[in-house]
Amino acid sequence: MPELRKDPIIGRWVIVATERARRPGNIVESLDQGIRGKKEDCAYCQEQKTILFSKKIPSRGKTPSSEIRVISYAKSFFKTDVNVQRHFHGLYEIVKGFGMDELVIETPEHMTYTPDFSVDHLTALLNVYAARIKTIVKNPDIQHVLVYKNYGALAGSQMTGHSCSRVVGMPVIPFHVKEKLSGAQDYFKKQRRCVYCDMIKQEIAAKTRVILENKNFVALTPFAARFLFEVWILPKKHSCDFTDSSQSVQKDLAAILKSLLQKVREGLGDPAYNFVIQTAPIGMREENNIKNYYHWHIEILPRLTRVAGFEKGTGFYINSIPPEATAEFLRGVP
């Protein structure tokens, strides 16, 4: 029987409708990756003229050490060479396209992808994200920094065959982020506890939606998951800031991230996905006790379904397989 499930953080309703699981057009072919280009033609395999930041990838044995490189994203809709200007036209507000947009070239190897990285390599990559966030937030005009990765054409990747991700600093706080902050703040005001911490405690006790767990992190499917096989990775210790994690904690994160991405690839046939790090906006760090009520986390969103008219018209999401079943499936993937 279909269920309406309420997201405990922002109050969004999700329809879990199992009888629609094989609705025509609902399940997208996950193997349509459409990778283009050869190594010889790949811009990211070449030496970069301007490198903003680099970090050595730990080598093993006789393997030569290589680098993770960070460059400015040439096709960005944000420009660092303009001043922030706000214009008001009656009801309307315009902010000129200022921002910081960086491309992280995760490996020098062509056709090598994130699930194939060693835990040490992934730890170095997470360290790069943290370092770039710390640098970008020094700019007083930046209000929020988002780290994300698009994998596969359906997720918005250019499909060059080279593993990359982005770190984007924005002069405004996105509405989706504000929703999470507002919901977490309301819960804290009523309960004097973090809603994410309570969620982690309940999910670990129930175990039905937990996929992986280690000393410092848990990976689970949300109770009111918006998408098929949506997964969150959350730190067990409360923190609003992704960049606060120690090296040992980052290694635990790298280990659970690697295992989870391998399960998604092997179990779902290498689907397109979006990977997002949700950390507290710099523009609100000192406001309203955000350190008490917000909890940073990572969202992995496989692109297996299409959003249609009902979803767009109502703001509801339709999830055709219960999150408990997707968690059970992923737990069973070697």
C-alpha atoms as a PDB file:
ATOM      1  CA  MET A   1       0.000   0.000   0.000  1.00  0.00           C
ATOM      2  CA  PRO A   2       1.367   3.483  -0.841  1.00  0.00           C
ATOM      3  CA  GLU A   3       2.645   5.605   2.045  1.00  0.00           C
ATOM      4  CA  LEU A   4       3.129   9.296   2.613  1.00  0.00           C
ATOM      5  CA  ARG A   5       6.369   9.802   4.568  1.00  0.00           C
ATOM      6  CA  LYS A   6       7.381  13.104   6.122  1.00  0.00           C
ATOM      7  CA  ASP A   7      11.015  14.206   6.123  1.00  0.00           C
ATOM      8  CA  PRO A   8      11.779  14.921   9.808  1.00  0.00           C
ATOM      9  CA  ILE A   9      14.187  17.754   8.945  1.00  0.00           C
ATOM     10  CA  ILE A  10      12.422  19.993   6.448  1.00  0.00           C
ATOM     11  CA  GLY A  11       8.881  18.559   6.540  1.00  0.00           C
ATOM     12  CA  ARG A  12       8.794  17.530   2.872  1.00  0.00           C
ATOM     13  CA  TRP A  13       6.377  14.724   2.033  1.00  0.00           C
ATOM     14  CA  VAL A  14       7.498  11.758  -0.061  1.00  0.00           C
ATOM     15  CA  ILE A  15       5.204   9.150  -1.624  1.00  0.00           C
ATOM     16  CA  VAL A  16       6.521   5.611  -1.337  1.00  0.00           C
ATOM     17  CA  ALA A  17       4.503   3.756  -3.978  1.00  0.00           C
ATOM     18  CA  THR A  18       5.696   0.192  -4.540  1.00  0.00           C
ATOM     19  CA  GLU A  19       3.132  -0.643  -7.217  1.00  0.00           C
ATOM     20  CA  ARG A  20       4.745   1.966  -9.533  1.00  0.00           C
ATOM     21  CA  ALA A  21       8.159   0.294  -9.424  1.00  0.00           C
ATOM     22  CA  ARG A  22       8.182  -0.680 -13.086  1.00  0.00           C
ATOM     23  CA  ARG A  23       6.116   2.191 -14.461  1.00  0.00           C
ATOM     24  CA  PRO A  24       7.087   2.745 -18.130  1.00  0.00           C
ATOM     25  CA  GLY A  25       9.665   5.521 -18.362  1.00  0.00           C
ATOM     26  CA  ASN A  26      10.232   5.577 -14.602  1.00  0.00           C
ATOM     27  CA  ILE A  27      13.431   3.524 -14.512  1.00  0.00           C
ATOM     28  CA  VAL A  28      16.243   5.014 -16.566  1.00  0.00           C
ATOM     29  CA  GLU A  29      18.870   2.810 -18.171  1.00  0.00           C
ATOM     30  CA  SER A  30      21.857   3.271 -15.868  1.00  0.00           C
ATOM     31  CA  LEU A  31      24.492   2.061 -18.354  1.00  0.00           C
ATOM     32  CA  ASP A  32      24.026   4.973 -20.760  1.00  0.00           C
ATOM     33  CA  GLN A  33      27.248   6.719 -19.765  1.00  0.00           C
ATOM     34  CA  GLY A  34      28.257   7.954 -23.221  1.00  0.00           C
ATOM     35  CA  ILE A  35      31.949   8.615 -22.451  1.00  0.00           C
ATOM     36  CA  ARG A  36      33.567  10.650 -25.190  1.00  0.00           C
ATOM     37  CA  GLY A  37      37.143  11.310 -26.194  1.00  0.00           C
ATOM     38  CA  LYS A  38      40.496   9.612 -25.850  1.00  0.00           C
ATOM     39  CA  LYS A  39      43.307  10.249 -23.421  1.00  0.00           C
ATOM     40  CA  GLU A  40      45.230  12.119 -26.120  1.00  0.00           C
ATOM     41  CA  ASP A  41      42.341  14.589 -26.460  1.00  0.00           C
ATOM     42  CA  CYS A  42      41.575  14.981 -22.744  1.00  0.00           C
ATOM     43  CA  ALA A  43      42.323  18.462 -21.411  1.00  0.00           C
ATOM     44  CA  TYR A  44      42.637  17.138 -17.855  1.00  0.00           C
ATOM     45  CA  CYS A  45      45.359  14.632 -18.770  1.00  0.00           C
ATOM     46  CA  GLN A  46      47.562  17.494 -19.917  1.00  0.00           C
ATOM     47  CA  GLU A  47      49.766  19.702 -17.776  1.00  0.00           C
ATOM     48  CA  GLN A  48      47.762  22.641 -16.447  1.00  0.00           C
ATOM     49  CA  LYS A  49      49.021  26.183 -16.982  1.00  0.00           C
ATOM     50  CA  THR A  50      47.699  27.488 -13.673  1.00  0.00           C
ATOM     51  CA  ILE A  51      47.298  25.186 -10.675  1.00  0.00           C
ATOM     52  CA  LEU A  52      45.559  26.727  -7.660  1.00  0.00           C
ATOM     53  CA  PHE A  53      46.367  23.851  -5.339  1.00  0.00           C
ATOM     54  CA  SER A  54      47.833  20.361  -5.490  1.00  0.00           C
ATOM     55  CA  LYS A  55      48.308  17.443  -3.138  1.00  0.00           C
ATOM     56  CA  LYS A  56      50.392  14.329  -3.518  1.00  0.00           C
ATOM     57  CA  ILE A  57      48.496  11.050  -3.771  1.00  0.00           C
ATOM     58  CA  PRO A  58      50.125   8.577  -1.356  1.00  0.00           C
ATOM     59  CA  SER A  59      51.973   5.924  -3.363  1.00  0.00           C
ATOM     60  CA  ARG A  60      52.249   2.252  -2.599  1.00  0.00           C
ATOM     61  CA  GLY A  61      55.353   0.178  -3.237  1.00  0.00           C
ATOM     62  CA  LYS A  62      57.156   1.178  -6.411  1.00  0.00           C
ATOM     63  CA  THR A  63      54.220   3.116  -7.832  1.00  0.00           C
ATOM     64  CA  PRO A  64      55.349   6.723  -8.441  1.00  0.00           C
ATOM     65  CA  SER A  65      53.513   9.385  -6.502  1.00  0.00           C
ATOM     66  CA  SER A  66      51.097  11.573  -8.464  1.00  0.00           C
ATOM     67  CA  GLU A  67      48.936  14.595  -7.684  1.00  0.00           C
ATOM     68  CA  ILE A  68      45.392  15.765  -7.195  1.00  0.00           C
ATOM     69  CA  ARG A  69      45.228  19.137  -8.948  1.00  0.00           C
ATOM     70  CA  VAL A  70      42.835  22.054  -8.514  1.00  0.00           C
ATOM     71  CA  ILE A  71      42.302  24.597 -11.310  1.00  0.00           C
ATOM     72  CA  SER A  72      39.785  27.342 -12.067  1.00  0.00           C
ATOM     73  CA  TYR A  73      36.790  26.001 -13.939  1.00  0.00           C
ATOM     74  CA  ALA A  74      36.901  27.701 -17.327  1.00  0.00           C
ATOM     75  CA  LYS A  75      33.201  27.247 -18.155  1.00  0.00           C
ATOM     76  CA  SER A  76      31.882  28.530 -14.846  1.00  0.00           C
ATOM     77  CA  PHE A  77      28.850  30.808 -14.609  1.00  0.00           C
ATOM     78  CA  PHE A  78      30.638  32.533 -11.701  1.00  0.00           C
ATOM     79  CA  LYS A  79      33.421  35.098 -12.211  1.00  0.00           C
ATOM     80  CA  THR A  80      36.067  36.015  -9.667  1.00  0.00           C
ATOM     81  CA  ASP A  81      37.087  39.183 -11.503  1.00  0.00           C
ATOM     82  CA  VAL A  82      33.853  41.084 -10.826  1.00  0.00           C
ATOM     83  CA  ASN A  83      32.765  42.869  -7.676  1.00  0.00           C
ATOM     84  CA  VAL A  84      29.649  41.780  -5.856  1.00  0.00           C
ATOM     85  CA  GLN A  85      26.868  44.154  -6.858  1.00  0.00           C
ATOM     86  CA  ARG A  86      23.291  43.902  -5.652  1.00  0.00           C
ATOM     87  CA  HIS A  87      20.548  45.648  -7.590  1.00  0.00           C
ATOM     88  CA  PHE A  88      16.910  46.001  -6.577  1.00  0.00           C
ATOM     89  CA  HIS A  89      14.057  46.562  -9.026  1.00  0.00           C
ATOM     90  CA  GLY A  90      10.912  46.770  -6.957  1.00  0.00           C
ATOM     91  CA  LEU A  91      10.256  43.207  -5.793  1.00  0.00           C
ATOM     92  CA  TYR A  92      13.225  41.835  -7.661  1.00  0.00           C
ATOM     93  CA  GLU A  93      16.844  41.447  -6.599  1.00  0.00           C
ATOM     94  CA  ILE A  94      19.851  40.804  -8.827  1.00  0.00           C
ATOM     95  CA  VAL A  95      23.354  39.806  -7.758  1.00  0.00           C
ATOM     96  CA  LYS A  96      25.997  39.975 -10.445  1.00  0.00           C
ATOM     97  CA  GLY A  97      27.721  36.694 -11.275  1.00  0.00           C
ATOM     98  CA  PHE A  98      30.516  36.814  -8.711  1.00  0.00           C
ATOM     99  CA  GLY A  99      31.693  33.534  -7.212  1.00  0.00           C
ATOM    100  CA  MET A 100      34.548  31.061  -7.089  1.00  0.00           C
ATOM    101  CA  ASP A 101      34.397  27.871  -9.119  1.00  0.00           C
ATOM    102  CA  GLU A 102      37.202  25.317  -8.954  1.00  0.00           C
ATOM    103  CA  LEU A 103      37.660  22.026 -10.754  1.00  0.00           C
ATOM    104  CA  VAL A 104      39.317  19.204  -8.814  1.00  0.00           C
ATOM    105  CA  ILE A 105      41.163  16.808 -11.114  1.00  0.00           C
ATOM    106  CA  GLU A 106      41.028  13.814  -8.807  1.00  0.00           C
ATOM    107  CA  THR A 107      43.680  11.716 -10.518  1.00  0.00           C
ATOM    108  CA  PRO A 108      46.127  12.062 -13.417  1.00  0.00           C
ATOM    109  CA  GLU A 109      44.938   8.664 -14.706  1.00  0.00           C
ATOM    110  CA  HIS A 110      42.418   8.672 -17.557  1.00  0.00           C
ATOM    111  CA  MET A 111      39.403   6.336 -17.174  1.00  0.00           C
ATOM    112  CA  THR A 112      40.036   5.735 -13.463  1.00  0.00           C
ATOM    113  CA  TYR A 113      37.081   6.488 -11.228  1.00  0.00           C
ATOM    114  CA  THR A 114      36.431   7.319  -7.596  1.00  0.00           C
ATOM    115  CA  PRO A 115      35.374   3.805  -6.430  1.00  0.00           C
ATOM    116  CA  ASP A 116      38.725   2.525  -7.760  1.00  0.00           C
ATOM    117  CA  PHE A 117      40.803   4.918  -5.644  1.00  0.00           C
ATOM    118  CA  SER A 118      42.630   3.548  -2.626  1.00  0.00           C
ATOM    119  CA  VAL A 119      41.467   4.659   0.819  1.00  0.00           C
ATOM    120  CA  ASP A 120      44.626   6.793   1.078  1.00  0.00           C
ATOM    121  CA  HIS A 121      43.841   8.421  -2.272  1.00  0.00           C
ATOM    122  CA  LEU A 122      40.271   9.160  -1.205  1.00  0.00           C
ATOM    123  CA  THR A 123      41.517  10.553   2.102  1.00  0.00           C
ATOM    124  CA  ALA A 124      43.828  12.901   0.194  1.00  0.00           C
ATOM    125  CA  LEU A 125      40.887  13.962  -1.985  1.00  0.00           C
ATOM    126  CA  LEU A 126      38.755  14.760   1.080  1.00  0.00           C
ATOM    127  CA  ASN A 127      41.689  16.743   2.472  1.00  0.00           C
ATOM    128  CA  VAL A 128      41.784  18.747  -0.782  1.00  0.00           C
ATOM    129  CA  TYR A 129      38.078  19.562  -0.482  1.00  0.00           C
ATOM    130  CA  ALA A 130      38.579  20.753   3.095  1.00  0.00           C
ATOM    131  CA  ALA A 131      41.620  22.847   2.152  1.00  0.00           C
ATOM    132  CA  ARG A 132      39.809  24.550  -0.726  1.00  0.00           C
ATOM    133  CA  ILE A 133      36.751  25.300   1.416  1.00  0.00           C
ATOM    134  CA  LYS A 134      38.989  26.911   4.041  1.00  0.00           C
ATOM    135  CA  THR A 135      40.645  29.059   1.377  1.00  0.00           C
ATOM    136  CA  ILE A 136      37.440  30.098  -0.389  1.00  0.00           C
ATOM    137  CA  VAL A 137      35.618  31.137   2.790  1.00  0.00           C
ATOM    138  CA  LYS A 138      38.316  33.692   3.515  1.00  0.00           C
ATOM    139  CA  ASN A 139      36.668  35.852   0.858  1.00  0.00           C
ATOM    140  CA  PRO A 140      34.136  38.020   2.761  1.00  0.00           C
ATOM    141  CA  ASP A 141      31.716  38.008  -0.180  1.00  0.00           C
ATOM    142  CA  ILE A 142      31.320  34.219  -0.124  1.00  0.00           C
ATOM    143  CA  GLN A 143      28.293  32.998   1.822  1.00  0.00           C
ATOM    144  CA  HIS A 144      28.317  29.269   1.038  1.00  0.00           C
ATOM    145  CA  VAL A 145      30.646  26.650  -0.452  1.00  0.00           C
ATOM    146  CA  LEU A 146      29.372  23.509  -2.138  1.00  0.00           C
ATOM    147  CA  VAL A 147      31.478  20.464  -3.024  1.00  0.00           C
ATOM    148  CA  TYR A 148      29.893  18.180  -5.567  1.00  0.00           C
ATOM    149  CA  LYS A 149      30.614  15.560  -8.198  1.00  0.00           C
ATOM    150  CA  ASN A 150      28.553  14.632 -11.264  1.00  0.00           C
ATOM    151  CA  TYR A 151      29.144  11.126 -12.578  1.00  0.00           C
ATOM    152  CA  GLY A 152      27.494  10.063 -15.815  1.00  0.00           C
ATOM    153  CA  ALA A 153      25.670  11.989 -18.506  1.00  0.00           C
ATOM    154  CA  LEU A 154      22.312  11.752 -16.707  1.00  0.00           C
ATOM    155  CA  ALA A 155      23.890  13.441 -13.680  1.00  0.00           C
ATOM    156  CA  GLY A 156      25.304  16.347 -15.689  1.00  0.00           C
ATOM    157  CA  SER A 157      28.848  15.103 -16.290  1.00  0.00           C
ATOM    158  CA  GLN A 158      30.718  16.183 -19.419  1.00  0.00           C
ATOM    159  CA  MET A 159      31.773  12.527 -19.792  1.00  0.00           C
ATOM    160  CA  THR A 160      35.356  13.254 -20.761  1.00  0.00           C
ATOM    161  CA  GLY A 161      36.530  10.011 -19.184  1.00  0.00           C
ATOM    162  CA  HIS A 162      38.470  11.832 -16.461  1.00  0.00           C
ATOM    163  CA  SER A 163      37.398  11.801 -12.812  1.00  0.00           C
ATOM    164  CA  CYS A 164      36.718  15.382 -11.623  1.00  0.00           C
ATOM    165  CA  SER A 165      34.642  17.221  -9.045  1.00  0.00           C
ATOM    166  CA  ARG A 166      33.867  20.854  -8.226  1.00  0.00           C
ATOM    167  CA  VAL A 167      34.201  23.253  -5.290  1.00  0.00           C
ATOM    168  CA  VAL A 168      31.961  26.298  -5.749  1.00  0.00           C
ATOM    169  CA  GLY A 169      31.795  29.412  -3.568  1.00  0.00           C
ATOM    170  CA  MET A 170      28.606  31.470  -3.879  1.00  0.00           C
ATOM    171  CA  PRO A 171      27.628  34.990  -2.780  1.00  0.00           C
ATOM    172  CA  VAL A 172      24.232  33.743  -1.553  1.00  0.00           C
ATOM    173  CA  ILE A 173      22.938  30.800   0.485  1.00  0.00           C
ATOM    174  CA  PRO A 174      20.856  28.416  -1.689  1.00  0.00           C
ATOM    175  CA  PHE A 175      17.221  27.868  -0.727  1.00  0.00           C
ATOM    176  CA  HIS A 176      17.689  24.089  -0.424  1.00  0.00           C
ATOM    177  CA  VAL A 177      20.401  24.693   2.184  1.00  0.00           C
ATOM    178  CA  LYS A 178      18.223  27.216   4.024  1.00  0.00           C
ATOM    179  CA  GLU A 179      15.437  24.628   4.210  1.00  0.00           C
ATOM    180  CA  LYS A 180      17.714  22.188   5.984  1.00  0.00           C
ATOM    181  CA  LEU A 181      19.008  24.869   8.338  1.00  0.00           C
ATOM    182  CA  SER A 182      15.528  26.122   9.192  1.00  0.00           C
ATOM    183  CA  GLY A 183      14.179  22.630   9.832  1.00  0.00           C
ATOM    184  CA  ALA A 184      17.151  21.665  12.016  1.00  0.00           C
ATOM    185  CA  GLN A 185      16.864  24.923  13.947  1.00  0.00           C
ATOM    186  CA  ASP A 186      13.134  24.442  14.595  1.00  0.00           C
ATOM    187  CA  TYR A 187      13.755  20.917  15.894  1.00  0.00           C
ATOM    188  CA  PHE A 188      16.535  22.149  18.173  1.00  0.00           C
ATOM    189  CA  LYS A 189      14.316  24.868  19.608  1.00  0.00           C
ATOM    190  CA  LYS A 190      11.656  22.284  20.534  1.00  0.00           C
ATOM    191  CA  GLN A 191      13.828  19.355  21.613  1.00  0.00           C
ATOM    192  CA  ARG A 192      17.146  21.008  22.554  1.00  0.00           C
ATOM    193  CA  ARG A 193      18.851  18.307  20.476  1.00  0.00           C
ATOM    194  CA  CYS A 194      20.190  17.947  16.936  1.00  0.00           C
ATOM    195  CA  VAL A 195      17.685  16.263  14.620  1.00  0.00           C
ATOM    196  CA  TYR A 196      20.503  14.571  12.706  1.00  0.00           C
ATOM    197  CA  CYS A 197      21.988  13.133  15.909  1.00  0.00           C
ATOM    198  CA  ASP A 198      18.563  11.809  16.910  1.00  0.00           C
ATOM    199  CA  MET A 199      18.104  10.340  13.433  1.00  0.00           C
ATOM    200  CA  ILE A 200      21.499   8.593  13.595  1.00  0.00           C
ATOM    201  CA  LYS A 201      20.684   7.144  17.019  1.00  0.00           C
ATOM    202  CA  GLN A 202      17.287   5.831  15.883  1.00  0.00           C
ATOM    203  CA  GLU A 203      18.593   4.426  12.584  1.00  0.00           C
ATOM    204  CA  ILE A 204      21.506   2.579  14.207  1.00  0.00           C
ATOM    205  CA  ALA A 205      19.119   1.074  16.763  1.00  0.00           C
ATOM    206  CA  ALA A 206      16.619  -0.011  14.086  1.00  0.00           C
ATOM    207  CA  LYS A 207      19.270  -1.113  11.531  1.00  0.00           C
ATOM    208  CA  THR A 208      16.671  -1.467   8.735  1.00  0.00           C
ATOM    209  CA  ARG A 209      17.973   1.491   6.707  1.00  0.00           C
ATOM    210  CA  VAL A 210      21.658   1.309   7.697  1.00  0.00           C
ATOM    211  CA  ILE A 211      23.945   0.111   4.885  1.00  0.00           C
ATOM    212  CA  LEU A 212      27.437   0.559   6.329  1.00  0.00           C
ATOM    213  CA  GLU A 213      28.875   1.680   9.651  1.00  0.00           C
ATOM    214  CA  ASN A 214      32.330   2.184  11.139  1.00  0.00           C
ATOM    215  CA  LYS A 215      33.762   3.917  14.187  1.00  0.00           C
ATOM    216  CA  ASN A 216      33.061   7.470  13.040  1.00  0.00           C
ATOM    217  CA  PHE A 217      30.425   7.279  10.276  1.00  0.00           C
ATOM    218  CA  VAL A 218      27.172   5.655   9.260  1.00  0.00           C
ATOM    219  CA  ALA A 219      25.733   5.312   5.730  1.00  0.00           C
ATOM    220  CA  LEU A 220      21.963   4.968   5.486  1.00  0.00           C
ATOM    221  CA  THR A 221      18.957   5.462   3.246  1.00  0.00           C
ATOM    222  CA  PRO A 222      16.796   8.308   4.626  1.00  0.00           C
ATOM    223  CA  PHE A 223      13.345   7.406   5.987  1.00  0.00           C
ATOM    224  CA  ALA A 224      11.759   9.778   3.456  1.00  0.00           C
ATOM    225  CA  ALA A 225      14.245   9.248   0.609  1.00  0.00           C
ATOM    226  CA  ARG A 226      13.507  11.402  -2.432  1.00  0.00           C
ATOM    227  CA  PHE A 227      15.206   9.146  -4.965  1.00  0.00           C
ATOM    228  CA  LEU A 228      15.751   5.448  -5.518  1.00  0.00           C
ATOM    229  CA  PHE A 229      18.858   4.313  -3.625  1.00  0.00           C
ATOM    230  CA  GLU A 230      19.490   7.767  -2.146  1.00  0.00           C
ATOM    231  CA  VAL A 231      22.157   7.392   0.544  1.00  0.00           C
ATOM    232  CA  TRP A 232      23.490   9.741   3.228  1.00  0.00           C
ATOM    233  CA  ILE A 233      26.810   9.448   5.041  1.00  0.00           C
ATOM    234  CA  LEU A 234      26.776  11.144   8.439  1.00  0.00           C
ATOM    235  CA  PRO A 235      29.462  11.597  11.112  1.00  0.00           C
ATOM    236  CA  LYS A 236      28.433  10.010  14.402  1.00  0.00           C
ATOM    237  CA  LYS A 237      30.047  12.838  16.341  1.00  0.00           C
ATOM    238  CA  HIS A 238      28.101  16.077  16.052  1.00  0.00           C
ATOM    239  CA  SER A 239      29.721  18.737  13.863  1.00  0.00           C
ATOM    240  CA  CYS A 240      28.339  21.396  11.550  1.00  0.00           C
ATOM    241  CA  ASP A 241      31.579  21.837   9.604  1.00  0.00           C
ATOM    242  CA  PHE A 242      33.053  19.274   7.205  1.00  0.00           C
ATOM    243  CA  THR A 243      36.486  20.896   7.493  1.00  0.00           C
ATOM    244  CA  ASP A 244      36.756  20.222  11.244  1.00  0.00           C
ATOM    245  CA  SER A 245      37.456  16.503  10.825  1.00  0.00           C
ATOM    246  CA  SER A 246      40.850  15.094  11.820  1.00  0.00           C
ATOM    247  CA  GLN A 247      43.012  12.975   9.519  1.00  0.00           C
ATOM    248  CA  SER A 248      41.976   9.729  11.221  1.00  0.00           C
ATOM    249  CA  VAL A 249      38.310  10.655  10.922  1.00  0.00           C
ATOM    250  CA  GLN A 250      38.752  11.550   7.245  1.00  0.00           C
ATOM    251  CA  LYS A 251      40.291   8.108   6.678  1.00  0.00           C
ATOM    252  CA  ASP A 252      37.188   6.479   8.173  1.00  0.00           C
ATOM    253  CA  LEU A 253      35.072   8.618   5.861  1.00  0.00           C
ATOM    254  CA  ALA A 254      37.180   7.613   2.857  1.00  0.00           C
ATOM    255  CA  ALA A 255      36.786   3.926   3.747  1.00  0.00           C
ATOM    256  CA  ILE A 256      32.998   4.053   4.026  1.00  0.00           C
ATOM    257  CA  LEU A 257      32.713   6.241   0.902  1.00  0.00           C
ATOM    258  CA  LYS A 258      34.792   3.816  -1.163  1.00  0.00           C
ATOM    259  CA  SER A 259      32.761   0.793  -0.031  1.00  0.00           C
ATOM    260  CA  LEU A 260      29.483   2.576  -0.666  1.00  0.00           C
ATOM    261  CA  LEU A 261      30.413   3.764  -4.169  1.00  0.00           C
ATOM    262  CA  GLN A 262      31.560   0.242  -5.030  1.00  0.00           C
ATOM    263  CA  LYS A 263      28.214  -1.150  -3.869  1.00  0.00           C
ATOM    264  CA  VAL A 264      26.319   1.426  -5.955  1.00  0.00           C
ATOM    265  CA  ARG A 265      28.405   0.639  -9.041  1.00  0.00           C
ATOM    266  CA  GLU A 266      28.276  -3.136  -8.752  1.00  0.00           C
ATOM    267  CA  GLY A 267      24.732  -3.439  -7.489  1.00  0.00           C
ATOM    268  CA  LEU A 268      23.043  -0.905  -9.768  1.00  0.00           C
ATOM    269  CA  GLY A 269      25.036  -1.390 -12.972  1.00  0.00           C
ATOM    270  CA  ASP A 270      27.287   1.672 -12.766  1.00  0.00           C
ATOM    271  CA  PRO A 271      24.553   4.341 -12.651  1.00  0.00           C
ATOM    272  CA  ALA A 272      24.933   8.073 -13.043  1.00  0.00           C
ATOM    273  CA  TYR A 273      24.934   9.828  -9.675  1.00  0.00           C
ATOM    274  CA  ASN A 274      25.452  13.134  -7.921  1.00  0.00           C
ATOM    275  CA  PHE A 275      27.659  13.369  -4.836  1.00  0.00           C
ATOM    276  CA  VAL A 276      27.224  16.418  -2.578  1.00  0.00           C
ATOM    277  CA  ILE A 277      28.887  17.526   0.656  1.00  0.00           C
ATOM    278  CA  GLN A 278      26.410  19.518   2.752  1.00  0.00           C
ATOM    279  CA  THR A 279      28.284  21.693   5.259  1.00  0.00           C
ATOM    280  CA  ALA A 280      27.154  24.749   7.209  1.00  0.00           C
ATOM    281  CA  PRO A 281      27.175  28.015   5.208  1.00  0.00           C
ATOM    282  CA  ILE A 282      29.997  30.366   6.141  1.00  0.00           C
ATOM    283  CA  GLY A 283      27.514  33.251   6.061  1.00  0.00           C
ATOM    284  CA  MET A 284      25.648  31.801   9.054  1.00  0.00           C
ATOM    285  CA  ARG A 285      28.409  30.204  11.147  1.00  0.00           C
ATOM    286  CA  GLU A 286      28.137  32.756  13.942  1.00  0.00           C
ATOM    287  CA  GLU A 287      24.354  33.062  13.873  1.00  0.00           C
ATOM    288  CA  ASN A 288      21.617  31.377  15.866  1.00  0.00           C
ATOM    289  CA  ASN A 289      23.730  28.626  17.443  1.00  0.00           C
ATOM    290  CA  ILE A 290      24.173  26.852  14.110  1.00  0.00           C
ATOM    291  CA  LYS A 291      26.996  24.779  15.596  1.00  0.00           C
ATOM    292  CA  ASN A 292      24.461  23.216  17.950  1.00  0.00           C
ATOM    293  CA  TYR A 293      21.698  22.317  15.515  1.00  0.00           C
ATOM    294  CA  TYR A 294      23.260  21.654  12.097  1.00  0.00           C
ATOM    295  CA  HIS A 295      25.097  18.428  11.213  1.00  0.00           C
ATOM    296  CA  TRP A 296      27.200  18.156   8.053  1.00  0.00           C
ATOM    297  CA  HIS A 297      26.678  15.133   5.824  1.00  0.00           C
ATOM    298  CA  ILE A 298      27.239  13.709   2.352  1.00  0.00           C
ATOM    299  CA  GLU A 299      24.413  12.846  -0.030  1.00  0.00           C
ATOM    300  CA  ILE A 300      24.814  10.324  -2.872  1.00  0.00           C
ATOM    301  CA  LEU A 301      21.941  10.520  -5.336  1.00  0.00           C
ATOM    302  CA  PRO A 302      21.796   7.876  -8.113  1.00  0.00           C
ATOM    303  CA  ARG A 303      19.952   9.154 -11.189  1.00  0.00           C
ATOM    304  CA  LEU A 304      17.590   6.248 -11.833  1.00  0.00           C
ATOM    305  CA  THR A 305      14.244   8.030 -12.156  1.00  0.00           C
ATOM    306  CA  ARG A 306      12.761  11.019 -13.946  1.00  0.00           C
ATOM    307  CA  VAL A 307      10.862  13.819 -12.216  1.00  0.00           C
ATOM    308  CA  ALA A 308       7.466  14.284 -13.893  1.00  0.00           C
ATOM    309  CA  GLY A 309       4.554  16.728 -13.744  1.00  0.00           C
ATOM    310  CA  PHE A 310       3.089  15.672 -10.394  1.00  0.00           C
ATOM    311  CA  GLU A 311       6.428  16.040  -8.670  1.00  0.00           C
ATOM    312  CA  LYS A 312       7.105  19.423 -10.251  1.00  0.00           C
ATOM    313  CA  GLY A 313       3.616  20.688  -9.507  1.00  0.00           C
ATOM    314  CA  THR A 314       3.473  19.610  -5.857  1.00  0.00           C
ATOM    315  CA  GLY A 315       7.069  19.485  -4.631  1.00  0.00           C
ATOM    316  CA  PHE A 316       6.416  15.874  -3.607  1.00  0.00           C
ATOM    317  CA  TYR A 317       8.820  13.138  -4.645  1.00  0.00           C
ATOM    318  CA  ILE A 318       7.674   9.651  -5.649  1.00  0.00           C
ATOM    319  CA  ASN A 319       9.941   6.819  -4.548  1.00  0.00           C
ATOM    320  CA  SER A 320       8.922   3.522  -6.127  1.00  0.00           C
ATOM    321  CA  ILE A 321      10.905   1.222  -3.790  1.00  0.00           C
ATOM    322  CA  PRO A 322      10.817   1.553   0.010  1.00  0.00           C
ATOM    323  CA  PRO A 323      14.116   2.807   1.496  1.00  0.00           C
ATOM    324  CA  GLU A 324      14.257  -0.280   3.726  1.00  0.00           C
ATOM    325  CA  ALA A 325      14.348  -2.478   0.614  1.00  0.00           C
ATOM    326  CA  THR A 326      17.051  -0.424  -1.124  1.00  0.00           C
ATOM    327  CA  ALA A 327      19.174  -0.498   2.037  1.00  0.00           C
ATOM    328  CA  GLU A 328      18.775  -4.265   2.301  1.00  0.00           C
ATOM    329  CA  PHE A 329      19.761  -4.643  -1.339  1.00  0.00           C
ATOM    330  CA  LEU A 330      22.903  -2.520  -0.994  1.00  0.00           C
ATOM    331  CA  ARG A 331      23.898  -4.324   2.214  1.00  0.00           C
ATOM    332  CA  GLY A 332      23.873  -7.546   0.216  1.00  0.00           C
ATOM    333  CA  VAL A 333      26.121  -6.259  -2.575  1.00  0.00           C
ATOM    334  CA  PRO A 334      29.701  -7.498  -2.038  1.00  0.00           C
END
